[in-house]
N, C-alpha and C. Protein backbone atom coordinates (compact mmCIF):
# COMPACT_ATOMS: atom_id res chain seq x y z
N UNK A 1 16.98 253.94 361.60
CA UNK A 1 17.62 253.63 362.70
C UNK A 1 16.54 254.48 363.14
N UNK A 2 16.09 255.93 362.68
CA UNK A 2 15.65 256.61 363.41
C UNK A 2 14.00 256.42 363.52
N UNK A 3 14.06 256.03 361.70
CA UNK A 3 12.61 255.38 362.12
C UNK A 3 12.00 254.39 362.28
N UNK A 4 13.43 253.36 362.83
CA UNK A 4 13.09 252.23 363.42
C UNK A 4 12.78 252.53 364.79
N UNK A 5 13.85 253.21 365.80
CA UNK A 5 13.12 253.84 366.80
C UNK A 5 11.73 254.37 367.27
N UNK A 6 11.95 255.60 366.15
CA UNK A 6 10.55 255.97 366.17
C UNK A 6 9.01 255.10 367.00
N UNK A 7 9.82 254.34 365.45
CA UNK A 7 8.06 254.10 365.45
C UNK A 7 8.01 252.52 366.47
N UNK A 8 9.16 252.79 367.70
CA UNK A 8 8.51 251.61 368.70
C UNK A 8 7.89 253.05 369.74
N UNK A 9 7.14 252.20 370.68
CA UNK A 9 6.87 253.08 371.82
C UNK A 9 7.80 252.91 373.19
N UNK A 10 7.28 254.42 374.23
CA UNK A 10 8.48 254.49 374.67
C UNK A 10 9.49 255.71 375.08
N UNK A 11 10.51 255.28 376.00
CA UNK A 11 11.14 256.03 375.88
C UNK A 11 12.29 255.78 375.29
N UNK A 12 13.35 256.37 375.08
CA UNK A 12 14.94 255.53 374.47
C UNK A 12 15.46 254.82 374.53
N UNK A 13 15.70 255.08 376.26
CA UNK A 13 16.42 253.32 376.65
C UNK A 13 15.17 252.19 376.86
N UNK A 14 14.07 252.12 376.74
CA UNK A 14 13.42 251.33 376.15
C UNK A 14 13.54 250.32 374.88
N UNK A 15 13.51 251.83 373.77
CA UNK A 15 13.54 251.04 372.98
C UNK A 15 14.86 250.65 372.42
N UNK A 16 15.86 251.19 373.11
CA UNK A 16 16.86 250.53 372.92
C UNK A 16 17.35 248.46 373.67
N UNK A 17 16.68 248.49 374.54
CA UNK A 17 16.14 247.14 375.12
C UNK A 17 15.64 246.75 374.02
N UNK A 18 14.44 247.02 373.60
CA UNK A 18 14.06 246.10 372.54
C UNK A 18 14.27 245.82 371.13
N UNK A 19 15.21 246.59 371.03
CA UNK A 19 16.39 245.84 369.88
C UNK A 19 17.27 245.13 370.41
N UNK A 20 17.74 245.03 371.52
CA UNK A 20 19.01 244.55 371.91
C UNK A 20 18.45 243.18 372.28
N UNK A 21 16.90 243.34 372.68
CA UNK A 21 16.60 241.80 373.77
C UNK A 21 16.94 240.77 373.00
N UNK A 22 16.30 240.61 371.61
CA UNK A 22 16.54 239.52 370.70
C UNK A 22 18.61 238.93 370.38
N UNK A 23 19.50 239.93 370.28
CA UNK A 23 20.36 239.33 370.51
C UNK A 23 21.28 238.52 371.60
N UNK A 24 20.35 238.41 373.02
CA UNK A 24 20.73 238.13 374.07
C UNK A 24 21.13 236.41 373.97
N UNK A 25 19.99 235.89 373.32
CA UNK A 25 20.29 234.41 373.08
C UNK A 25 21.33 233.79 372.47
N UNK A 26 21.44 234.53 370.68
CA UNK A 26 22.49 234.41 370.52
C UNK A 26 23.91 234.86 370.86
N UNK A 27 23.65 235.52 371.86
CA UNK A 27 25.66 235.96 372.38
C UNK A 27 25.59 234.89 373.28
N UNK A 28 24.94 234.49 374.39
CA UNK A 28 24.66 233.81 375.17
C UNK A 28 25.43 232.24 374.18
N UNK A 29 24.57 231.77 373.26
CA UNK A 29 24.80 230.67 372.70
C UNK A 29 26.14 230.46 372.69
N UNK A 30 26.51 231.60 371.59
CA UNK A 30 27.99 231.68 370.92
C UNK A 30 28.75 231.25 372.01
N UNK A 31 28.73 232.36 373.20
CA UNK A 31 29.89 232.18 374.17
C UNK A 31 29.54 230.73 375.49
N UNK A 32 28.43 230.27 375.21
CA UNK A 32 28.12 228.71 375.80
C UNK A 32 29.12 227.81 375.23
N UNK A 33 28.71 227.87 373.54
CA UNK A 33 29.29 226.72 372.52
C UNK A 33 30.53 226.99 372.84
N UNK A 34 30.96 228.48 372.78
CA UNK A 34 33.10 228.31 372.67
C UNK A 34 33.28 227.71 374.41
N UNK A 35 32.50 228.19 375.11
CA UNK A 35 33.38 227.71 376.63
C UNK A 35 33.26 226.46 376.83
N UNK A 36 32.30 225.07 376.47
CA UNK A 36 31.99 223.75 376.57
C UNK A 36 32.79 222.89 375.45
N UNK A 37 33.11 221.95 376.22
CA UNK A 37 32.94 221.12 375.24
C UNK A 37 32.11 219.63 374.73
N UNK A 38 31.98 219.57 373.18
CA UNK A 38 31.16 218.12 372.66
C UNK A 38 31.30 217.27 372.97
N UNK A 39 30.80 216.31 372.83
CA UNK A 39 31.34 214.39 372.04
C UNK A 39 31.93 215.27 370.93
N UNK A 40 32.27 216.00 369.97
CA UNK A 40 32.42 215.61 368.49
C UNK A 40 33.07 217.41 368.16
N UNK A 41 34.33 218.20 368.32
CA UNK A 41 34.27 218.88 367.74
C UNK A 41 32.95 219.50 366.62
N UNK A 42 33.23 219.25 365.25
CA UNK A 42 32.26 219.29 364.42
C UNK A 42 30.62 219.72 364.93
N UNK A 43 30.02 219.22 366.19
CA UNK A 43 29.09 219.65 366.63
C UNK A 43 29.11 220.89 367.31
N UNK A 44 30.28 221.37 367.71
CA UNK A 44 30.71 222.76 368.32
C UNK A 44 30.43 223.65 367.28
N UNK A 45 31.19 223.32 366.09
CA UNK A 45 31.08 224.42 364.89
C UNK A 45 30.01 224.38 364.22
N UNK A 46 29.33 222.78 364.63
CA UNK A 46 27.82 223.47 363.98
C UNK A 46 27.19 224.29 364.52
N UNK A 47 26.82 224.22 366.06
CA UNK A 47 25.91 225.16 367.07
C UNK A 47 27.08 226.46 366.66
N UNK A 48 28.45 227.18 366.81
CA UNK A 48 28.27 228.00 366.27
C UNK A 48 28.02 228.64 365.11
N UNK A 49 28.18 228.16 363.95
CA UNK A 49 27.71 228.63 362.86
C UNK A 49 26.08 228.66 362.55
N UNK A 50 25.06 228.18 363.68
CA UNK A 50 23.90 227.95 363.57
C UNK A 50 23.93 229.62 364.34
N UNK A 51 24.21 229.64 365.61
CA UNK A 51 24.38 230.57 366.26
C UNK A 51 24.38 231.90 365.19
N UNK A 52 25.36 232.12 364.65
CA UNK A 52 26.12 232.99 364.12
C UNK A 52 25.18 233.33 362.87
N UNK A 53 25.28 232.39 361.89
CA UNK A 53 24.02 232.31 360.72
C UNK A 53 22.18 232.64 360.86
N UNK A 54 22.01 231.99 361.97
CA UNK A 54 20.70 232.78 361.76
C UNK A 54 20.19 233.32 363.43
N UNK A 55 20.26 234.23 362.88
CA UNK A 55 20.27 235.38 364.46
C UNK A 55 19.53 235.09 365.52
N UNK A 56 18.25 235.21 365.35
CA UNK A 56 17.41 234.78 366.26
C UNK A 56 17.06 233.83 366.86
N UNK A 57 16.93 232.68 365.84
CA UNK A 57 16.29 231.26 365.59
C UNK A 57 17.48 230.38 365.86
N UNK A 58 18.91 230.93 366.17
CA UNK A 58 19.76 229.53 365.94
C UNK A 58 20.08 229.82 367.47
N UNK A 59 19.77 231.44 368.39
CA UNK A 59 20.11 231.13 369.77
C UNK A 59 18.99 230.49 370.06
N UNK A 60 18.19 230.59 370.03
CA UNK A 60 16.63 229.90 370.49
C UNK A 60 16.98 228.31 370.41
N UNK A 61 17.18 228.14 369.09
CA UNK A 61 17.54 226.71 369.17
C UNK A 61 18.67 226.22 369.86
N UNK A 62 19.49 226.81 370.15
CA UNK A 62 20.81 226.61 370.62
C UNK A 62 20.21 226.42 372.12
N UNK A 63 19.96 227.20 373.00
CA UNK A 63 19.04 227.34 374.45
C UNK A 63 18.20 225.78 374.36
N UNK A 64 17.47 225.46 373.38
CA UNK A 64 16.50 224.51 373.72
C UNK A 64 17.02 223.20 373.95
N UNK A 65 18.20 222.69 372.42
CA UNK A 65 18.16 221.66 371.54
C UNK A 65 19.66 221.70 371.95
N UNK A 66 20.90 222.65 372.20
CA UNK A 66 21.90 222.01 371.99
C UNK A 66 23.15 222.46 373.05
N UNK A 67 22.17 223.37 374.16
CA UNK A 67 22.58 223.22 375.95
C UNK A 67 23.37 222.03 376.38
N UNK A 68 22.01 221.31 376.29
CA UNK A 68 21.96 220.21 376.92
C UNK A 68 23.06 218.94 376.11
N UNK A 69 23.45 219.37 375.20
CA UNK A 69 24.46 218.07 375.00
C UNK A 69 26.27 218.79 375.10
N UNK A 70 26.06 219.78 375.72
CA UNK A 70 27.15 220.27 375.83
C UNK A 70 28.05 219.59 377.52
N UNK A 71 29.04 218.45 377.25
CA UNK A 71 29.48 217.99 377.85
C UNK A 71 29.82 218.85 379.39
N UNK A 72 31.27 219.55 379.15
CA UNK A 72 31.67 220.17 380.66
C UNK A 72 32.70 221.77 380.19
N UNK A 73 32.93 222.20 381.20
CA UNK A 73 33.02 223.70 380.75
C UNK A 73 34.68 223.47 380.34
N UNK A 74 35.32 223.88 379.28
CA UNK A 74 37.04 223.67 378.76
C UNK A 74 37.50 224.80 379.51
N UNK A 75 38.72 224.09 379.62
CA UNK A 75 39.85 224.60 380.83
C UNK A 75 40.62 225.62 380.06
N UNK A 76 40.52 227.12 379.92
CA UNK A 76 41.36 227.46 379.45
C UNK A 76 42.71 228.11 380.24
N UNK A 77 43.75 228.20 379.75
CA UNK A 77 45.04 228.44 380.45
C UNK A 77 45.43 230.11 379.65
N UNK A 78 46.07 231.28 380.84
CA UNK A 78 45.85 231.96 380.49
C UNK A 78 47.12 232.51 379.54
């Protein structure tokens, strides 16, 4: 990890931001797929698996192709 941080330009906060930035589409895709309904539950599970097992590409694929397939937000009762 230290070698990776040393290879990036700039201060430490900027380096950590560069390392964290590619994870954002995945985290958002997982959250969005979990909180919304789909036409078929298997489609939801497929998108969750894609986001989990294909880290950067899965999140970007969900952002461009899967987000529009979500029907509505699920109601979560506490």
